[in-house]
Amino acid sequence: MPLKIALAQLNLMVGDIQANARTIIAAACHSKERLAADLVLCSELSVTGYPAEDLLLRRDFVRQARQAVTEIAKHSPTRLDLVIGFPEMDEMGNLFNSAAVLRNGKVLVCYRKMALPNYGVFDERRYFKAGAQTCIFKLKDTLMGLAICEDVWRPGILANNKKDGAELVLVLNASPFHAAKMQQREDIVVNQARELELSVIYVNQVGGQDELVFDGASFAVDHLGEVVFRAEEFKEQLGLVEYTDKKLQKTNCAPFYNEISSEYQALVLGIRDYVAKNGFQGAILGLSGGVDSALVLALAVDALGEKQVTAVLMPSRHTLEMSMEDAISEADALGVKRHIIPIEPAVAAFTELLEPVFAGTRPDTTEENIQARCRGIILMALSNKLGGLLLTTGNKSEMSVGYATLYGDMAGGFAPIKDVPKLLVYKLARYRNSITRVIPERVLTRPPSAELAPDQRDEDSLPPYKMLDPILEKYVEHDQSVSEIIAAGFEPDDVLQAIRLVDRSEYKRRQSPPGIKITPKAYGRDRRYPITSGYRGDKAEDSL
């Protein structure tokens, strides 16, 4: 007897339990009425949204979530099984990351997640106790098991489902995006499905949540290890697969992950949801004529629409004419409102104010930072007055080495490209131009500069980005030591300079706005280093 299973890839909001419940019920009704589904599978902790973080420590929050489960069961269609995720508290006060199967208005069975991740962005042992046993239920003569996210990464849990009789395992997930993560997920599931001869349906949530973006890309794998269905990335979607004659039938497979376009879509979705879910009236950013702000402007317009984005040009005496020309060209190409506010009057006022204290000193980065901070004041004032979210435009390479000004270009509410290395910035900008040309070519080819001093270039203070970014990847993403990086062929002076700048800039990163995670190890979420630390690396560094 055919069994039709709907994959509910939904964009839910952490904490908005009532809205999430309505979304789940609507998905269940649509799946029953339009798709003739027998079962609807939702994502991990779909009732509360993921990650709910310390909201899970509130008993009233957990109680409301449990009440919502009852309401969802009551308002869902009959003759339809609905699988949802929720935080479940037992009589002893222990909290579990659970999945409930709802049938005909009641909770049929519950499963408690057994493998609790506690690395990177995950902190589940802070909140949950681990479950201890599988959960098998029957629908239309098919025995099905349940698993939740990390369970499929832990050897043995899917095998135990198979051992206990499951022919098909339903997996609820909240797996955030980073480069190549989709391929990792599918490989893990495909290998186990093939080895165990077990069909698996994997549903992932979609949408932005603070620094995290969930890409969806839900999929189904048959007992031979073949992907028979894949949902689109970064879009809400109700997919449908059919289980007939003890096997999943092949249906539509959306395109697989693409290294550049997927990252671009992740950034767009992250901006859109952060602005919308936090109730901001559009976005504002400073537009310099450089590649970073040009990319952020394009991302913001693609996320929000041109009418919701305002660009502010703030030239100083050091701003090159071509920078102004390029910034105006970018704003006009994307159709956004733009303002030109020269900062010289503000810089002159601060310089005069500080002159008695600065007397007898030589100009240095202090004067450069005053310019950046004048711009920060202007942008924050416009954000306050107009209600738009101020987007900062610094990239991961700059944030790594502290090439940014506290309370200046770091001032803002959200940092879209905070986790985007400089070389990737260029690739993303060229990708955007391949759709429609909105960034002038010379922005992509001329040497980058902060334009805070005459003839200034980034490479005056930093190793070239083609050298810097690979060093940073090895040190930040892979935790390699100085000696390991030098042994890979990098110049010792470049390595030592980069690492010293990274280590001494932790205090700046702690004060930076949240930004979208797209790499395996984002600052703040994944990489958590102390500000105050006496560690200075391995013996190779000490000897150099």
Protein backbone atom coordinates (compact mmCIF):
# COMPACT_ATOMS: atom_id res chain seq x y z
CA MET A 1 0.00 0.00 0.00
CA PRO A 2 1.60 3.35 -1.04
CA LEU A 3 2.66 5.66 1.75
CA LYS A 4 2.96 9.37 0.92
CA ILE A 5 5.25 11.43 3.14
CA ALA A 6 5.46 15.23 2.99
CA LEU A 7 8.72 16.95 3.92
CA ALA A 8 7.82 20.26 5.60
CA GLN A 9 10.86 22.50 5.10
CA LEU A 10 9.65 25.54 7.06
CA ASN A 11 11.03 28.93 8.07
CA LEU A 12 10.18 29.15 11.76
CA MET A 13 11.01 31.78 14.36
CA VAL A 14 12.68 31.08 17.67
CA GLY A 15 10.33 31.82 20.55
CA ASP A 16 7.21 32.59 18.53
CA ILE A 17 5.49 29.40 19.57
CA GLN A 18 1.99 30.41 18.46
CA ALA A 19 3.13 31.51 14.99
CA ASN A 20 5.17 28.33 14.59
CA ALA A 21 2.16 26.26 15.57
CA ARG A 22 0.02 28.01 12.96
CA THR A 23 2.69 27.43 10.32
CA ILE A 24 2.91 23.73 11.18
CA ILE A 25 -0.88 23.30 11.12
CA ALA A 26 -1.12 25.09 7.76
CA ALA A 27 1.61 22.84 6.34
CA ALA A 28 -0.22 19.76 7.63
CA CYS A 29 -3.54 20.88 6.14
CA HIS A 30 -1.98 21.72 2.78
CA SER A 31 -0.14 18.40 2.69
CA LYS A 32 -3.34 16.48 3.40
CA GLU A 33 -5.63 18.40 1.08
CA ARG A 34 -3.31 19.17 -1.85
CA LEU A 35 -0.72 16.41 -1.70
CA ALA A 36 -2.86 13.57 -0.26
CA ALA A 37 -0.07 12.93 2.26
CA ASP A 38 -0.32 10.22 4.90
CA LEU A 39 2.42 11.73 7.07
CA VAL A 40 4.07 15.15 7.42
CA LEU A 41 7.58 15.43 8.82
CA CYS A 42 8.70 18.74 10.35
CA SER A 43 12.13 19.85 11.55
CA GLU A 44 13.89 19.61 14.91
CA LEU A 45 12.29 21.63 17.73
CA SER A 46 9.88 23.01 15.16
CA VAL A 47 7.45 24.18 17.83
CA THR A 48 9.97 26.51 19.47
CA GLY A 49 12.37 27.18 16.60
CA TYR A 50 16.06 26.31 16.78
CA PRO A 51 18.26 27.20 18.58
CA ALA A 52 16.12 28.50 21.43
CA GLU A 53 19.22 28.83 23.64
CA ASP A 54 18.48 29.92 27.22
CA LEU A 55 14.78 30.28 26.57
CA LEU A 56 14.90 26.56 27.24
CA LEU A 57 15.81 27.29 30.86
CA ARG A 58 12.42 28.98 31.37
CA ARG A 59 9.75 26.59 32.61
CA ASP A 60 7.00 28.87 31.27
CA PHE A 61 8.55 28.63 27.80
CA VAL A 62 8.71 24.83 27.95
CA ARG A 63 5.16 24.71 29.29
CA GLN A 64 3.85 26.86 26.42
CA ALA A 65 5.64 24.62 23.94
CA ARG A 66 3.96 21.54 25.42
CA GLN A 67 0.57 23.26 25.26
CA ALA A 68 1.23 24.08 21.61
CA VAL A 69 1.79 20.38 20.89
CA THR A 70 -1.71 19.71 22.22
CA GLU A 71 -3.18 22.52 20.10
CA ILE A 72 -1.36 21.35 16.96
CA ALA A 73 -2.70 17.83 17.50
CA LYS A 74 -6.22 19.17 17.99
CA HIS A 75 -6.23 21.30 14.82
CA SER A 76 -4.38 18.98 12.48
CA PRO A 77 -6.26 16.88 9.91
CA THR A 78 -7.48 13.44 10.88
CA ARG A 79 -6.08 10.38 9.14
CA LEU A 80 -2.73 12.16 8.91
CA ASP A 81 0.34 11.50 11.04
CA LEU A 82 2.26 14.68 11.89
CA VAL A 83 5.80 14.52 13.28
CA ILE A 84 7.00 17.64 15.11
CA GLY A 85 9.89 18.59 17.38
CA PHE A 86 9.50 20.11 20.84
CA PRO A 87 11.26 20.38 24.23
CA GLU A 88 9.78 17.70 26.49
CA MET A 89 10.06 17.88 30.28
CA ASP A 90 9.56 14.75 32.37
CA GLU A 91 8.14 14.52 35.88
CA MET A 92 11.63 14.88 37.36
CA GLY A 93 12.24 18.18 35.58
CA ASN A 94 14.64 16.73 32.98
CA LEU A 95 14.41 18.31 29.55
CA PHE A 96 14.66 16.33 26.32
CA ASN A 97 14.96 17.31 22.68
CA SER A 98 11.99 15.29 21.51
CA ALA A 99 9.89 14.37 18.51
CA ALA A 100 6.18 13.63 18.80
CA VAL A 101 4.05 11.66 16.38
CA LEU A 102 0.53 13.14 16.36
CA ARG A 103 -2.36 11.01 15.15
CA ASN A 104 -6.07 11.82 15.22
CA GLY A 105 -5.75 14.63 17.73
CA LYS A 106 -3.44 12.87 20.18
CA VAL A 107 0.23 12.18 20.80
CA LEU A 108 0.85 8.64 19.58
CA VAL A 109 4.51 8.27 20.62
CA CYS A 110 7.49 10.44 21.56
CA TYR A 111 11.17 9.97 20.79
CA ARG A 112 13.99 11.59 22.79
CA LYS A 113 17.18 12.56 20.97
CA MET A 114 20.06 10.34 22.04
CA ALA A 115 23.11 12.12 20.57
CA LEU A 116 23.46 15.66 21.94
CA PRO A 117 26.01 17.80 20.04
CA ASN A 118 28.22 20.03 22.16
CA TYR A 119 30.69 21.58 19.73
CA GLY A 120 30.83 24.52 17.33
CA VAL A 121 27.49 26.32 17.36
CA PHE A 122 25.83 23.54 19.36
CA ASP A 123 25.42 23.57 23.14
CA GLU A 124 22.70 20.99 23.71
CA ARG A 125 24.14 19.39 26.83
CA ARG A 126 23.59 22.72 28.55
CA TYR A 127 19.84 22.15 28.21
CA PHE A 128 18.96 18.56 27.46
CA LYS A 129 19.32 15.07 28.84
CA ALA A 130 20.02 12.34 26.32
CA GLY A 131 17.34 9.83 25.43
CA ALA A 132 18.07 6.13 25.82
CA GLN A 133 16.03 4.15 23.31
CA THR A 134 14.69 4.03 19.80
CA CYS A 135 11.06 4.72 18.94
CA ILE A 136 9.30 2.61 16.31
CA PHE A 137 5.72 3.16 15.13
CA LYS A 138 3.57 1.71 12.38
CA LEU A 139 1.65 3.41 9.57
CA LYS A 140 0.08 1.55 6.66
CA ASP A 141 1.98 -1.64 7.39
CA THR A 142 5.29 0.23 7.40
CA LEU A 143 7.45 0.28 10.52
CA MET A 144 9.15 3.63 10.93
CA GLY A 145 11.80 4.90 13.32
CA LEU A 146 12.61 8.42 14.46
CA ALA A 147 15.95 10.18 14.78
CA ILE A 148 16.94 13.78 15.41
CA CYS A 149 19.84 15.52 13.65
CA GLU A 150 23.03 14.50 15.51
CA ASP A 151 21.67 10.96 15.84
CA VAL A 152 22.62 10.28 12.22
CA TRP A 153 26.17 11.52 12.82
CA ARG A 154 26.62 9.10 15.74
CA PRO A 155 27.42 5.54 14.61
CA GLY A 156 24.96 2.93 15.78
CA ILE A 157 21.72 4.87 16.22
CA LEU A 158 20.34 4.25 12.74
CA ALA A 159 21.58 0.67 13.03
CA ASN A 160 19.58 0.24 16.23
CA ASN A 161 16.48 1.51 14.43
CA LYS A 162 17.03 -1.14 11.78
CA LYS A 163 17.63 -3.80 14.45
CA ASP A 164 14.37 -2.85 16.16
CA GLY A 165 12.41 -3.35 12.96
CA ALA A 166 12.40 0.03 11.21
CA GLU A 167 12.12 -0.12 7.42
CA LEU A 168 12.20 3.66 7.11
CA VAL A 169 13.71 6.29 9.45
CA LEU A 170 12.38 9.86 9.68
CA VAL A 171 15.02 12.40 10.73
CA LEU A 172 14.14 15.84 12.11
CA ASN A 173 16.96 18.36 11.70
CA ALA A 174 18.11 21.88 12.44
CA SER A 175 21.45 21.80 10.65
CA PRO A 176 22.91 25.25 9.93
CA PHE A 177 24.64 26.15 6.71
CA HIS A 178 28.31 26.49 6.08
CA ALA A 179 30.38 25.83 2.98
CA ALA A 180 29.99 22.23 1.78
CA LYS A 181 27.79 21.26 4.76
CA MET A 182 25.10 19.85 2.46
CA GLN A 183 27.56 17.40 0.96
CA GLN A 184 28.68 16.28 4.43
CA ARG A 185 25.07 15.63 5.48
CA GLU A 186 24.18 13.66 2.41
CA ASP A 187 27.38 11.60 2.54
CA ILE A 188 26.71 10.63 6.17
CA VAL A 189 23.15 9.52 5.44
CA VAL A 190 23.86 7.91 2.07
CA ASN A 191 26.67 5.76 3.46
CA GLN A 192 24.57 4.48 6.36
CA ALA A 193 21.48 3.92 4.23
CA ARG A 194 23.49 1.83 1.78
CA GLU A 195 25.27 -0.13 4.50
CA LEU A 196 22.09 -0.83 6.48
CA GLU A 197 19.78 -1.15 3.46
CA LEU A 198 17.55 1.34 5.21
CA SER A 199 15.52 4.19 3.68
CA VAL A 200 15.94 7.59 5.34
CA ILE A 201 13.95 10.84 5.03
CA TYR A 202 15.82 13.91 6.26
CA VAL A 203 14.00 17.22 6.84
CA ASN A 204 15.96 20.37 7.66
CA GLN A 205 14.61 23.75 8.71
CA VAL A 206 15.21 26.82 6.57
CA GLY A 207 15.73 30.51 7.39
CA GLY A 208 17.95 32.93 9.27
CA GLN A 209 18.29 32.97 13.05
CA ASP A 210 20.74 35.56 14.38
CA GLU A 211 24.16 34.49 13.04
CA LEU A 212 22.93 31.16 11.71
CA VAL A 213 21.31 30.40 8.38
CA PHE A 214 19.52 27.11 7.85
CA ASP A 215 19.61 26.09 4.22
CA GLY A 216 16.89 23.48 4.10
CA ALA A 217 18.06 21.16 1.30
CA SER A 218 15.96 18.36 2.80
CA PHE A 219 16.37 15.01 1.10
CA ALA A 220 15.36 11.35 0.96
CA VAL A 221 17.66 8.37 0.44
CA ASP A 222 16.46 4.91 -0.54
CA HIS A 223 17.70 1.58 0.81
CA LEU A 224 20.35 1.41 -1.93
CA GLY A 225 21.88 4.71 -0.87
CA GLU A 226 20.50 6.75 -3.78
CA VAL A 227 19.20 10.29 -3.18
CA VAL A 228 15.67 10.12 -4.59
CA PHE A 229 14.47 13.58 -3.53
CA ARG A 230 16.14 16.89 -2.65
CA ALA A 231 14.38 20.12 -1.74
CA GLU A 232 15.66 23.51 -2.83
CA GLU A 233 18.18 25.43 -0.76
CA PHE A 234 17.12 28.50 1.22
CA LYS A 235 13.40 28.26 0.37
CA GLU A 236 10.33 27.09 2.25
CA GLN A 237 8.99 24.03 0.51
CA LEU A 238 6.59 21.13 0.96
CA GLY A 239 8.12 18.14 -0.80
CA LEU A 240 6.52 14.75 -1.28
CA VAL A 241 8.00 11.27 -1.51
CA GLU A 242 6.23 7.94 -1.90
CA TYR A 243 7.17 4.71 -0.18
CA THR A 244 5.85 1.78 -2.23
CA ASP A 245 6.77 -1.90 -2.30
CA LYS A 246 9.23 -1.37 0.56
CA LYS A 247 11.21 1.33 -1.23
CA LEU A 248 11.23 5.08 -1.79
CA GLN A 249 10.28 6.14 -5.29
CA LYS A 250 12.49 8.57 -7.18
CA THR A 251 11.11 12.08 -7.65
CA ASN A 252 12.47 15.60 -8.07
CA CYS A 253 15.98 16.51 -6.95
CA ALA A 254 16.85 20.21 -6.73
CA PRO A 255 20.37 21.27 -7.78
CA PHE A 256 23.21 20.41 -5.44
CA TYR A 257 25.27 22.93 -3.46
CA ASN A 258 27.31 25.41 -5.52
CA GLU A 259 30.35 26.93 -3.85
CA ILE A 260 29.65 30.60 -4.67
CA SER A 261 25.94 30.90 -5.47
CA SER A 262 24.95 28.97 -2.33
CA GLU A 263 27.05 31.25 -0.14
CA TYR A 264 25.45 34.27 -1.80
CA GLN A 265 21.95 32.91 -1.19
CA ALA A 266 22.83 32.21 2.44
CA LEU A 267 23.91 35.81 2.97
CA VAL A 268 20.77 37.17 1.30
CA LEU A 269 18.49 34.99 3.43
CA GLY A 270 20.42 35.86 6.59
CA ILE A 271 19.94 39.60 5.99
CA ARG A 272 16.29 39.25 5.00
CA ASP A 273 15.28 37.24 8.05
CA TYR A 274 17.34 39.27 10.53
CA VAL A 275 15.71 42.49 9.34
CA ALA A 276 12.19 41.07 9.09
CA LYS A 277 12.15 38.96 12.25
CA ASN A 278 13.52 41.81 14.35
CA GLY A 279 11.09 44.38 12.98
CA PHE A 280 13.51 46.82 11.34
CA GLN A 281 12.35 49.25 8.66
CA GLY A 282 14.84 48.34 5.98
CA ALA A 283 18.61 48.81 6.14
CA ILE A 284 21.24 51.56 5.98
CA LEU A 285 24.93 51.26 5.15
CA GLY A 286 27.95 53.38 4.42
CA LEU A 287 29.01 53.13 0.79
CA SER A 288 32.70 53.84 0.21
CA GLY A 289 33.37 52.81 -3.38
CA GLY A 290 35.24 49.72 -2.16
CA VAL A 291 34.37 46.11 -2.88
CA ASP A 292 33.14 45.23 0.63
CA SER A 293 30.45 47.90 0.85
CA ALA A 294 29.53 47.28 -2.80
CA LEU A 295 28.87 43.61 -2.03
CA VAL A 296 26.88 44.40 1.12
CA LEU A 297 24.75 46.89 -0.83
CA ALA A 298 23.96 44.28 -3.49
CA LEU A 299 23.16 41.67 -0.85
CA ALA A 300 20.88 44.07 1.03
CA VAL A 301 18.97 45.02 -2.11
CA ASP A 302 18.57 41.39 -3.13
CA ALA A 303 17.34 40.59 0.38
CA LEU A 304 15.04 43.54 1.00
CA GLY A 305 14.37 45.35 -2.27
CA GLU A 306 15.80 48.67 -3.36
CA LYS A 307 13.11 50.76 -1.63
CA GLN A 308 14.14 49.34 1.74
CA VAL A 309 17.85 50.20 1.47
CA THR A 310 19.61 53.54 1.97
CA ALA A 311 23.25 54.16 1.03
CA VAL A 312 25.27 56.92 2.67
CA LEU A 313 28.42 58.32 1.04
CA MET A 314 30.70 60.11 3.52
CA PRO A 315 33.74 61.50 1.71
CA SER A 316 36.76 62.97 3.45
CA ARG A 317 39.80 64.83 2.12
CA HIS A 318 41.40 61.42 1.50
CA THR A 319 38.50 60.00 -0.53
CA LEU A 320 39.51 59.54 -4.15
CA GLU A 321 37.28 60.94 -6.87
CA MET A 322 36.95 57.52 -8.46
CA SER A 323 35.70 56.11 -5.15
CA MET A 324 32.87 58.62 -5.14
CA GLU A 325 32.12 57.91 -8.79
CA ASP A 326 32.01 54.16 -8.18
CA ALA A 327 29.86 54.47 -5.05
CA ILE A 328 27.33 56.66 -6.89
CA SER A 329 27.35 54.22 -9.80
CA GLU A 330 26.65 51.29 -7.44
CA ALA A 331 23.79 53.07 -5.67
CA ASP A 332 22.20 54.19 -8.93
CA ALA A 333 22.59 50.77 -10.58
CA LEU A 334 20.69 49.17 -7.71
CA GLY A 335 18.13 51.98 -7.47
CA VAL A 336 18.56 52.78 -3.78
CA LYS A 337 18.15 56.11 -2.06
CA ARG A 338 21.53 57.72 -1.40
CA HIS A 339 22.82 60.60 0.71
CA ILE A 340 26.17 62.37 0.46
CA ILE A 341 27.36 63.72 3.81
CA PRO A 342 30.97 64.99 3.86
CA ILE A 343 32.70 64.30 7.17
CA GLU A 344 35.26 67.14 7.06
CA PRO A 345 33.24 69.50 9.31
CA ALA A 346 32.91 66.79 11.97
CA VAL A 347 36.58 65.78 11.71
CA ALA A 348 37.66 69.41 11.99
CA ALA A 349 35.48 69.91 15.07
CA PHE A 350 36.93 66.88 16.85
CA THR A 351 40.47 67.82 15.83
CA GLU A 352 40.01 71.30 17.28
CA LEU A 353 38.43 69.89 20.41
CA LEU A 354 41.34 67.52 21.01
CA GLU A 355 44.13 69.87 19.90
CA PRO A 356 45.11 71.05 23.41
CA VAL A 357 45.53 67.45 24.59
CA PHE A 358 47.26 66.26 21.40
CA ALA A 359 49.72 69.15 21.32
CA GLY A 360 53.29 67.94 20.77
CA THR A 361 52.26 64.52 19.39
CA ARG A 362 52.63 63.23 15.85
CA PRO A 363 49.63 62.24 13.73
CA ASP A 364 49.04 58.47 13.69
CA THR A 365 46.16 56.02 13.54
CA THR A 366 44.34 58.14 16.12
CA GLU A 367 43.53 60.73 13.47
CA GLU A 368 42.53 57.98 11.02
CA ASN A 369 40.17 56.47 13.58
CA ILE A 370 38.53 59.85 14.25
CA GLN A 371 37.43 59.86 10.61
CA ALA A 372 35.98 56.37 10.89
CA ARG A 373 34.21 57.27 14.14
CA CYS A 374 32.67 60.39 12.62
CA ARG A 375 31.18 58.14 9.96
CA GLY A 376 29.93 55.77 12.65
CA ILE A 377 28.14 58.62 14.44
CA ILE A 378 26.47 59.76 11.22
CA LEU A 379 25.30 56.28 10.31
CA MET A 380 23.99 55.48 13.79
CA ALA A 381 22.11 58.80 13.85
CA LEU A 382 20.42 57.97 10.54
CA SER A 383 19.63 54.47 11.78
CA ASN A 384 18.02 55.88 14.93
CA LYS A 385 16.05 58.53 13.08
CA LEU A 386 14.93 56.49 10.07
CA GLY A 387 14.52 53.11 11.77
CA GLY A 388 16.69 51.11 9.39
CA LEU A 389 19.14 48.47 10.57
CA LEU A 390 22.73 49.67 10.17
CA LEU A 391 24.75 47.09 8.26
CA THR A 392 28.50 47.11 8.75
CA THR A 393 30.68 46.17 5.80
CA GLY A 394 33.82 44.59 7.31
CA ASN A 395 34.91 41.16 6.09
CA LYS A 396 36.40 38.19 7.97
CA SER A 397 39.98 38.93 6.95
CA GLU A 398 39.72 42.43 8.44
CA MET A 399 37.97 41.19 11.57
CA SER A 400 40.63 38.51 11.99
CA VAL A 401 43.54 40.94 12.11
CA GLY A 402 41.70 43.88 13.67
CA TYR A 403 41.86 46.04 10.55
CA ALA A 404 38.77 47.94 11.65
CA THR A 405 37.89 50.81 13.98
CA LEU A 406 35.92 50.24 17.16
CA TYR A 407 32.90 52.58 17.23
CA GLY A 408 33.74 53.55 13.66
CA ASP A 409 33.29 51.18 10.73
CA MET A 410 32.49 48.46 13.29
CA ALA A 411 29.49 50.47 14.56
CA GLY A 412 26.21 48.91 13.53
CA GLY A 413 23.57 46.30 14.23
CA PHE A 414 24.44 43.49 11.83
CA ALA A 415 27.58 42.46 9.96
CA PRO A 416 26.54 40.47 6.85
CA ILE A 417 30.04 39.62 5.57
CA LYS A 418 31.73 39.26 8.95
CA ASP A 419 32.45 35.59 8.15
CA VAL A 420 33.41 36.17 4.49
CA PRO A 421 37.18 36.19 3.80
CA LYS A 422 38.41 38.95 1.48
CA LEU A 423 39.18 36.67 -1.44
CA LEU A 424 35.66 35.24 -1.23
CA VAL A 425 34.29 38.81 -1.19
CA TYR A 426 35.73 39.26 -4.68
CA LYS A 427 34.29 35.95 -5.88
CA LEU A 428 30.84 36.82 -4.53
CA ALA A 429 30.99 40.27 -6.11
CA ARG A 430 31.88 38.79 -9.50
CA TYR A 431 29.09 36.25 -9.10
CA ARG A 432 26.61 39.08 -8.45
CA ASN A 433 27.88 40.91 -11.52
CA SER A 434 27.26 37.78 -13.58
CA ILE A 435 23.54 38.21 -12.82
CA THR A 436 23.43 41.96 -13.53
CA ARG A 437 26.46 44.24 -13.56
CA VAL A 438 26.08 46.50 -10.53
CA ILE A 439 29.70 46.77 -9.32
CA PRO A 440 32.16 48.70 -11.54
CA GLU A 441 35.05 46.59 -12.80
CA ARG A 442 37.72 48.84 -11.34
CA VAL A 443 36.28 48.25 -7.85
CA LEU A 444 37.21 44.60 -8.39
CA THR A 445 40.68 45.29 -9.74
CA ARG A 446 42.17 48.27 -7.91
CA PRO A 447 44.09 47.75 -4.65
CA PRO A 448 41.82 47.93 -1.58
CA SER A 449 42.22 50.93 0.71
CA ALA A 450 40.57 52.35 3.82
CA GLU A 451 41.27 55.86 2.44
CA LEU A 452 41.99 57.30 5.87
CA ALA A 453 45.41 58.67 4.88
CA PRO A 454 47.08 59.83 1.64
CA ASP A 455 47.83 57.02 -0.85
CA GLN A 456 46.85 54.41 1.73
CA ARG A 457 46.57 50.73 0.79
CA ASP A 458 45.62 47.71 2.90
CA GLU A 459 48.92 46.06 1.95
CA ASP A 460 50.81 48.87 3.69
CA SER A 461 49.68 47.32 6.99
CA LEU A 462 48.90 43.72 6.08
CA PRO A 463 50.33 40.87 4.02
CA PRO A 464 48.66 40.67 0.58
CA TYR A 465 45.24 39.02 0.87
CA LYS A 466 46.31 36.19 -1.44
CA MET A 467 48.83 35.29 1.28
CA LEU A 468 46.86 36.46 4.31
CA ASP A 469 43.63 34.54 3.70
CA PRO A 470 45.29 31.10 3.40
CA ILE A 471 47.28 31.79 6.59
CA LEU A 472 44.12 32.81 8.41
CA GLU A 473 42.30 29.72 7.18
CA LYS A 474 44.98 27.45 8.58
CA TYR A 475 45.20 29.30 11.91
CA VAL A 476 41.52 30.07 12.50
CA GLU A 477 39.64 27.31 10.72
CA HIS A 478 42.08 24.43 11.26
CA ASP A 479 43.86 25.50 14.49
CA GLN A 480 47.29 24.94 12.97
CA SER A 481 50.38 26.17 14.79
CA VAL A 482 52.96 28.65 13.52
CA SER A 483 55.42 25.89 12.67
CA GLU A 484 52.79 23.93 10.74
CA ILE A 485 51.81 26.97 8.68
CA ILE A 486 55.43 27.88 7.93
CA ALA A 487 56.11 24.26 6.98
CA ALA A 488 53.31 24.58 4.42
CA GLY A 489 55.44 27.12 2.56
CA PHE A 490 54.40 30.52 3.95
CA GLU A 491 56.89 33.25 4.78
CA PRO A 492 57.68 33.26 8.53
CA ASP A 493 57.32 37.04 8.78
CA ASP A 494 53.86 36.95 7.17
CA VAL A 495 52.75 34.11 9.43
CA LEU A 496 53.97 35.75 12.62
CA GLN A 497 52.47 39.12 11.71
CA ALA A 498 49.08 37.63 10.86
CA ILE A 499 48.86 35.48 13.98
CA ARG A 500 49.94 38.24 16.32
CA LEU A 501 47.28 40.51 14.84
CA VAL A 502 44.63 37.80 15.23
CA ASP A 503 45.53 37.16 18.86
CA ARG A 504 45.63 40.81 19.88
CA SER A 505 42.30 41.64 18.16
CA GLU A 506 40.04 39.36 20.16
CA TYR A 507 38.78 42.32 22.24
CA LYS A 508 37.59 44.01 19.04
CA ARG A 509 35.75 40.96 17.78
CA ARG A 510 33.90 40.62 21.09
CA GLN A 511 32.45 44.09 20.47
CA SER A 512 31.49 43.55 16.85
CA PRO A 513 27.87 43.08 15.71
CA PRO A 514 26.55 39.59 14.97
CA GLY A 515 27.16 38.38 11.44
CA ILE A 516 26.14 35.53 9.18
CA LYS A 517 28.04 32.26 9.56
CA ILE A 518 29.08 30.73 6.23
CA THR A 519 32.42 29.08 7.14
CA PRO A 520 32.97 26.03 9.37
CA LYS A 521 34.45 28.20 12.12
CA ALA A 522 32.86 31.61 12.58
CA TYR A 523 34.05 34.04 15.25
CA GLY A 524 31.85 34.10 18.33
CA ARG A 525 29.71 31.11 17.42
CA ASP A 526 32.38 28.48 16.72
CA ARG A 527 35.74 30.03 17.67
CA ARG A 528 35.70 31.21 21.29
CA TYR A 529 39.04 32.48 22.53
CA PRO A 530 39.83 34.38 25.73
CA ILE A 531 40.61 38.08 25.41
CA THR A 532 43.16 37.88 28.19
CA SER A 533 45.63 35.10 27.47
CA GLY A 534 49.32 34.45 28.00
CA TYR A 535 49.54 31.70 25.42
CA ARG A 536 51.96 32.58 22.65
CA GLY A 537 51.97 29.50 20.45
CA ASP A 538 54.40 26.65 19.94
CA LYS A 539 58.17 26.55 20.42
CA ALA A 540 58.74 27.42 16.79
CA GLU A 541 57.05 30.77 17.37
CA ASP A 542 59.05 31.42 20.54
CA SER A 543 62.30 30.74 18.75
CA LEU A 544 61.57 32.98 15.78
